[in-house]
C-alpha cells in the first residue's frame, strides 16, 4: 500500500476512534463493507451498530 493510502486509512481509523460509537447503514456494497470492516478493527463490538433496511427497494427472502 502506498503512503498516501496508508495515511488515509490511519485518518479514517482515528476519526472512528474519536467518535467512540458509530451506526453504519450497510448496503452490502464495497464502500459500506469496507467501512464496517475498519470500524470493527478500532471499536469495541458494543460501540458499533450496523443497520440494513428492508423495503420494496431491497428484496429479502423469508
PDB file of N, CA and C in Angstrom:
ATOM      1  N   UNK A   1       0.869  -1.178   0.000  1.00  0.00           N
ATOM      2  CA  UNK A   1       0.000   0.000   0.000  1.00  0.00           C
ATOM      3  C   UNK A   1       0.905   1.227   0.000  1.00  0.00           C
ATOM      4  N   UNK A   2       0.541   2.232  -0.802  1.00  0.00           N
ATOM      5  CA  UNK A   2       1.387   3.426  -0.837  1.00  0.00           C
ATOM      6  C   UNK A   2       1.130   4.320   0.378  1.00  0.00           C
ATOM      7  N   UNK A   3       2.038   5.239   0.606  1.00  0.00           N
ATOM      8  CA  UNK A   3       1.979   6.082   1.812  1.00  0.00           C
ATOM      9  C   UNK A   3       0.710   6.924   1.884  1.00  0.00           C
ATOM     10  N   UNK A   4       0.233   7.397   0.743  1.00  0.00           N
ATOM     11  CA  UNK A   4      -0.987   8.214   0.743  1.00  0.00           C
ATOM     12  C   UNK A   4      -2.195   7.396   1.210  1.00  0.00           C
ATOM     13  N   UNK A   5      -2.327   6.167   0.707  1.00  0.00           N
ATOM     14  CA  UNK A   5      -3.434   5.301   1.127  1.00  0.00           C
ATOM     15  C   UNK A   5      -3.293   4.894   2.592  1.00  0.00           C
ATOM     16  N   UNK A   6      -2.070   4.629   3.021  1.00  0.00           N
ATOM     17  CA  UNK A   6      -1.843   4.293   4.423  1.00  0.00           C
ATOM     18  C   UNK A   6      -2.265   5.435   5.336  1.00  0.00           C
ATOM     19  N   UNK A   7      -1.970   6.674   4.918  1.00  0.00           N
ATOM     20  CA  UNK A   7      -2.339   7.833   5.719  1.00  0.00           C
ATOM     21  C   UNK A   7      -3.862   8.013   5.747  1.00  0.00           C
ATOM     22  N   UNK A   8      -4.514   7.791   4.620  1.00  0.00           N
ATOM     23  CA  UNK A   8      -5.975   7.902   4.581  1.00  0.00           C
ATOM     24  C   UNK A   8      -6.628   6.862   5.484  1.00  0.00           C
ATOM     25  N   UNK A   9      -6.099   5.642   5.493  1.00  0.00           N
ATOM     26  CA  UNK A   9      -6.630   4.597   6.358  1.00  0.00           C
ATOM     27  C   UNK A   9      -6.400   4.954   7.830  1.00  0.00           C
ATOM     28  N   UNK A  10      -5.223   5.460   8.140  1.00  0.00           N
ATOM     29  CA  UNK A  10      -4.926   5.883   9.513  1.00  0.00           C
ATOM     30  C   UNK A  10      -5.856   7.014   9.941  1.00  0.00           C
ATOM     31  N   UNK A  11      -6.131   7.941   9.037  1.00  0.00           N
ATOM     32  CA  UNK A  11      -7.046   9.057   9.339  1.00  0.00           C
ATOM     33  C   UNK A  11      -8.462   8.549   9.606  1.00  0.00           C
ATOM     34  N   UNK A  12      -8.913   7.588   8.793  1.00  0.00           N
ATOM     35  CA  UNK A  12     -10.244   7.008   8.989  1.00  0.00           C
ATOM     36  C   UNK A  12     -10.331   6.316  10.347  1.00  0.00           C
ATOM     37  N   UNK A  13      -9.330   5.519  10.675  1.00  0.00           N
ATOM     38  CA  UNK A  13      -9.325   4.835  11.972  1.00  0.00           C
ATOM     39  C   UNK A  13      -9.347   5.828  13.120  1.00  0.00           C
ATOM     40  N   UNK A  14      -8.565   6.881  12.998  1.00  0.00           N
ATOM     41  CA  UNK A  14      -8.523   7.907  14.040  1.00  0.00           C
ATOM     42  C   UNK A  14      -9.882   8.587  14.187  1.00  0.00           C
ATOM     43  N   UNK A  15     -10.502   8.898  13.067  1.00  0.00           N
ATOM     44  CA  UNK A  15     -11.820   9.545  13.083  1.00  0.00           C
ATOM     45  C   UNK A  15     -12.848   8.643  13.769  1.00  0.00           C
ATOM     46  N   UNK A  16     -12.848   7.365  13.435  1.00  0.00           N
ATOM     47  CA  UNK A  16     -13.801   6.433  14.036  1.00  0.00           C
ATOM     48  C   UNK A  16     -13.559   6.298  15.540  1.00  0.00           C
ATOM     49  N   UNK A  17     -12.295   6.209  15.956  1.00  0.00           N
ATOM     50  CA  UNK A  17     -11.978   6.119  17.381  1.00  0.00           C
ATOM     51  C   UNK A  17     -12.464   7.354  18.126  1.00  0.00           C
ATOM     52  N   UNK A  18     -12.309   8.524  17.510  1.00  0.00           N
ATOM     53  CA  UNK A  18     -12.734   9.777  18.146  1.00  0.00           C
ATOM     54  C   UNK A  18     -14.246   9.853  18.310  1.00  0.00           C
ATOM     55  N   UNK A  19     -14.991   9.202  17.433  1.00  0.00           N
ATOM     56  CA  UNK A  19     -16.449   9.207  17.537  1.00  0.00           C
ATOM     57  C   UNK A  19     -16.926   8.350  18.707  1.00  0.00           C
ATOM     58  N   UNK A  20     -16.152   7.367  19.086  1.00  0.00           N
ATOM     59  CA  UNK A  20     -16.414   6.472  20.214  1.00  0.00           C
ATOM     60  C   UNK A  20     -17.518   5.456  19.964  1.00  0.00           C
ATOM     61  N   UNK A  21     -18.544   5.793  19.219  1.00  0.00           N
ATOM     62  CA  UNK A  21     -19.565   4.832  18.812  1.00  0.00           C
ATOM     63  C   UNK A  21     -20.090   5.250  17.443  1.00  0.00           C
ATOM     64  N   UNK A  22     -20.531   4.256  16.667  1.00  0.00           N
ATOM     65  CA  UNK A  22     -20.899   4.519  15.273  1.00  0.00           C
ATOM     66  C   UNK A  22     -22.088   3.657  14.872  1.00  0.00           C
ATOM     67  N   UNK A  23     -22.987   4.219  14.078  1.00  0.00           N
ATOM     68  CA  UNK A  23     -24.041   3.472  13.398  1.00  0.00           C
ATOM     69  C   UNK A  23     -23.775   3.592  11.897  1.00  0.00           C
ATOM     70  N   UNK A  24     -23.701   2.467  11.215  1.00  0.00           N
ATOM     71  CA  UNK A  24     -23.395   2.463   9.785  1.00  0.00           C
ATOM     72  C   UNK A  24     -24.558   1.838   9.028  1.00  0.00           C
ATOM     73  N   UNK A  25     -25.034   2.533   8.006  1.00  0.00           N
ATOM     74  CA  UNK A  25     -26.060   1.991   7.108  1.00  0.00           C
ATOM     75  C   UNK A  25     -25.344   1.070   6.121  1.00  0.00           C
ATOM     76  N   UNK A  26     -25.579  -0.229   6.247  1.00  0.00           N
ATOM     77  CA  UNK A  26     -24.875  -1.240   5.458  1.00  0.00           C
ATOM     78  C   UNK A  26     -25.705  -1.649   4.256  1.00  0.00           C
ATOM     79  N   UNK A  27     -25.164  -1.391   3.065  1.00  0.00           N
ATOM     80  CA  UNK A  27     -25.873  -1.743   1.838  1.00  0.00           C
ATOM     81  C   UNK A  27     -25.389  -3.061   1.245  1.00  0.00           C
ATOM     82  N   UNK A  28     -24.226  -3.515   1.688  1.00  0.00           N
ATOM     83  CA  UNK A  28     -23.636  -4.716   1.112  1.00  0.00           C
ATOM     84  C   UNK A  28     -22.677  -4.402  -0.016  1.00  0.00           C
ATOM     85  N   UNK A  29     -22.540  -3.124  -0.350  1.00  0.00           N
ATOM     86  CA  UNK A  29     -21.608  -2.705  -1.392  1.00  0.00           C
ATOM     87  C   UNK A  29     -20.192  -2.579  -0.852  1.00  0.00           C
ATOM     88  N   UNK A  30     -19.282  -2.232  -1.718  1.00  0.00           N
ATOM     89  CA  UNK A  30     -17.875  -2.144  -1.364  1.00  0.00           C
ATOM     90  C   UNK A  30     -17.635  -1.075  -0.304  1.00  0.00           C
ATOM     91  N   UNK A  31     -18.229   0.098  -0.449  1.00  0.00           N
ATOM     92  CA  UNK A  31     -17.969   1.200   0.482  1.00  0.00           C
ATOM     93  C   UNK A  31     -18.414   0.883   1.903  1.00  0.00           C
ATOM     94  N   UNK A  32     -19.658   0.455   2.049  1.00  0.00           N
ATOM     95  CA  UNK A  32     -20.148   0.188   3.406  1.00  0.00           C
ATOM     96  C   UNK A  32     -19.484  -1.054   4.003  1.00  0.00           C
ATOM     97  N   UNK A  33     -19.143  -2.033   3.171  1.00  0.00           N
ATOM     98  CA  UNK A  33     -18.444  -3.218   3.654  1.00  0.00           C
ATOM     99  C   UNK A  33     -17.074  -2.848   4.200  1.00  0.00           C
ATOM    100  N   UNK A  34     -16.351  -2.008   3.473  1.00  0.00           N
ATOM    101  CA  UNK A  34     -15.035  -1.554   3.916  1.00  0.00           C
ATOM    102  C   UNK A  34     -15.151  -0.754   5.209  1.00  0.00           C
ATOM    103  N   UNK A  35     -16.111   0.153   5.273  1.00  0.00           N
ATOM    104  CA  UNK A  35     -16.282   0.979   6.468  1.00  0.00           C
ATOM    105  C   UNK A  35     -16.605   0.123   7.693  1.00  0.00           C
ATOM    106  N   UNK A  36     -17.467  -0.857   7.541  1.00  0.00           N
ATOM    107  CA  UNK A  36     -17.795  -1.753   8.654  1.00  0.00           C
ATOM    108  C   UNK A  36     -16.550  -2.532   9.089  1.00  0.00           C
ATOM    109  N   UNK A  37     -15.769  -3.026   8.140  1.00  0.00           N
ATOM    110  CA  UNK A  37     -14.562  -3.794   8.476  1.00  0.00           C
ATOM    111  C   UNK A  37     -13.571  -2.950   9.266  1.00  0.00           C
ATOM    112  N   UNK A  38     -13.368  -1.710   8.848  1.00  0.00           N
ATOM    113  CA  UNK A  38     -12.438  -0.831   9.554  1.00  0.00           C
ATOM    114  C   UNK A  38     -12.990  -0.475  10.928  1.00  0.00           C
ATOM    115  N   UNK A  39     -14.268  -0.187  11.004  1.00  0.00           N
ATOM    116  CA  UNK A  39     -14.879   0.150  12.292  1.00  0.00           C
ATOM    117  C   UNK A  39     -14.765  -1.017  13.270  1.00  0.00           C
ATOM    118  N   UNK A  40     -14.920  -2.252  12.776  1.00  0.00           N
ATOM    119  CA  UNK A  40     -14.789  -3.426  13.638  1.00  0.00           C
ATOM    120  C   UNK A  40     -13.373  -3.560  14.188  1.00  0.00           C
ATOM    121  N   UNK A  41     -12.383  -3.077  13.440  1.00  0.00           N
ATOM    122  CA  UNK A  41     -10.993  -3.131  13.902  1.00  0.00           C
ATOM    123  C   UNK A  41     -10.735  -2.185  15.069  1.00  0.00           C
ATOM    124  N   UNK A  42     -11.380  -1.021  15.050  1.00  0.00           N
ATOM    125  CA  UNK A  42     -10.989   0.026  16.000  1.00  0.00           C
ATOM    126  C   UNK A  42     -11.997   0.275  17.124  1.00  0.00           C
ATOM    127  N   UNK A  43     -13.200  -0.261  17.013  1.00  0.00           N
ATOM    128  CA  UNK A  43     -14.218  -0.008  18.035  1.00  0.00           C
ATOM    129  C   UNK A  43     -14.622  -1.298  18.735  1.00  0.00           C
ATOM    130  N   UNK A  44     -14.940  -1.209  20.014  1.00  0.00           N
ATOM    131  CA  UNK A  44     -15.499  -2.375  20.698  1.00  0.00           C
ATOM    132  C   UNK A  44     -16.848  -2.750  20.071  1.00  0.00           C
ATOM    133  N   UNK A  45     -17.198  -4.013  20.125  1.00  0.00           N
ATOM    134  CA  UNK A  45     -18.426  -4.501  19.493  1.00  0.00           C
ATOM    135  C   UNK A  45     -19.662  -3.759  19.975  1.00  0.00           C
ATOM    136  N   UNK A  46     -19.699  -3.387  21.238  1.00  0.00           N
ATOM    137  CA  UNK A  46     -20.891  -2.716  21.763  1.00  0.00           C
ATOM    138  C   UNK A  46     -20.974  -1.244  21.379  1.00  0.00           C
ATOM    139  N   UNK A  47     -19.990  -0.757  20.627  1.00  0.00           N
ATOM    140  CA  UNK A  47     -19.989   0.640  20.177  1.00  0.00           C
ATOM    141  C   UNK A  47     -20.205   0.758  18.667  1.00  0.00           C
ATOM    142  N   UNK A  48     -20.532  -0.357  18.014  1.00  0.00           N
ATOM    143  CA  UNK A  48     -20.754  -0.380  16.572  1.00  0.00           C
ATOM    144  C   UNK A  48     -22.121  -0.973  16.278  1.00  0.00           C
ATOM    145  N   UNK A  49     -22.949  -0.223  15.581  1.00  0.00           N
ATOM    146  CA  UNK A  49     -24.270  -0.681  15.154  1.00  0.00           C
ATOM    147  C   UNK A  49     -24.312  -0.646  13.635  1.00  0.00           C
ATOM    148  N   UNK A  50     -24.594  -1.786  13.027  1.00  0.00           N
ATOM    149  CA  UNK A  50     -24.673  -1.888  11.568  1.00  0.00           C
ATOM    150  C   UNK A  50     -26.124  -2.161  11.209  1.00  0.00           C
ATOM    151  N   UNK A  51     -26.694  -1.314  10.353  1.00  0.00           N
ATOM    152  CA  UNK A  51     -28.114  -1.383  10.007  1.00  0.00           C
ATOM    153  C   UNK A  51     -28.296  -1.701   8.531  1.00  0.00           C
ATOM    154  N   UNK A  52     -29.285  -2.526   8.241  1.00  0.00           N
ATOM    155  CA  UNK A  52     -29.685  -2.814   6.862  1.00  0.00           C
ATOM    156  C   UNK A  52     -31.198  -2.649   6.787  1.00  0.00           C
ATOM    157  N   UNK A  53     -31.651  -1.921   5.789  1.00  0.00           N
ATOM    158  CA  UNK A  53     -33.088  -1.672   5.622  1.00  0.00           C
ATOM    159  C   UNK A  53     -33.712  -2.748   4.747  1.00  0.00           C
ATOM    160  N   UNK A  54     -34.942  -3.092   5.052  1.00  0.00           N
ATOM    161  CA  UNK A  54     -35.727  -3.977   4.193  1.00  0.00           C
ATOM    162  C   UNK A  54     -36.943  -3.174   3.730  1.00  0.00           C
ATOM    163  N   UNK A  55     -37.051  -3.034   2.421  1.00  0.00           N
ATOM    164  CA  UNK A  55     -38.170  -2.284   1.850  1.00  0.00           C
ATOM    165  C   UNK A  55     -38.432  -2.820   0.450  1.00  0.00           C
ATOM    166  N   UNK A  56     -39.289  -2.148  -0.285  1.00  0.00           N
ATOM    167  CA  UNK A  56     -39.561  -2.545  -1.663  1.00  0.00           C
ATOM    168  C   UNK A  56     -38.316  -2.428  -2.535  1.00  0.00           C
ATOM    169  N   UNK A  57     -37.362  -1.592  -2.121  1.00  0.00           N
ATOM    170  CA  UNK A  57     -36.140  -1.405  -2.882  1.00  0.00           C
ATOM    171  C   UNK A  57     -35.096  -2.486  -2.590  1.00  0.00           C
ATOM    172  N   UNK A  58     -35.213  -3.151  -1.429  1.00  0.00           N
ATOM    173  CA  UNK A  58     -34.279  -4.190  -1.034  1.00  0.00           C
ATOM    174  C   UNK A  58     -35.058  -5.484  -0.832  1.00  0.00           C
ATOM    175  N   UNK A  59     -34.828  -6.437  -1.701  1.00  0.00           N
ATOM    176  CA  UNK A  59     -35.547  -7.707  -1.630  1.00  0.00           C
ATOM    177  C   UNK A  59     -34.952  -8.585  -0.524  1.00  0.00           C
ATOM    178  N   UNK A  60     -35.791  -9.193   0.255  1.00  0.00           N
ATOM    179  CA  UNK A  60     -35.348 -10.068   1.329  1.00  0.00           C
ATOM    180  C   UNK A  60     -36.149 -11.369   1.260  1.00  0.00           C
ATOM    181  N   UNK A  61     -35.454 -12.492   1.109  1.00  0.00           N
ATOM    182  CA  UNK A  61     -36.111 -13.808   1.111  1.00  0.00           C
ATOM    183  C   UNK A  61     -36.504 -14.149   2.538  1.00  0.00           C
ATOM    184  N   UNK A  62     -37.685 -14.683   2.724  1.00  0.00           N
ATOM    185  CA  UNK A  62     -38.129 -15.091   4.060  1.00  0.00           C
ATOM    186  C   UNK A  62     -38.128 -16.578   4.183  1.00  0.00           C
TER     187      UNK A  62
END
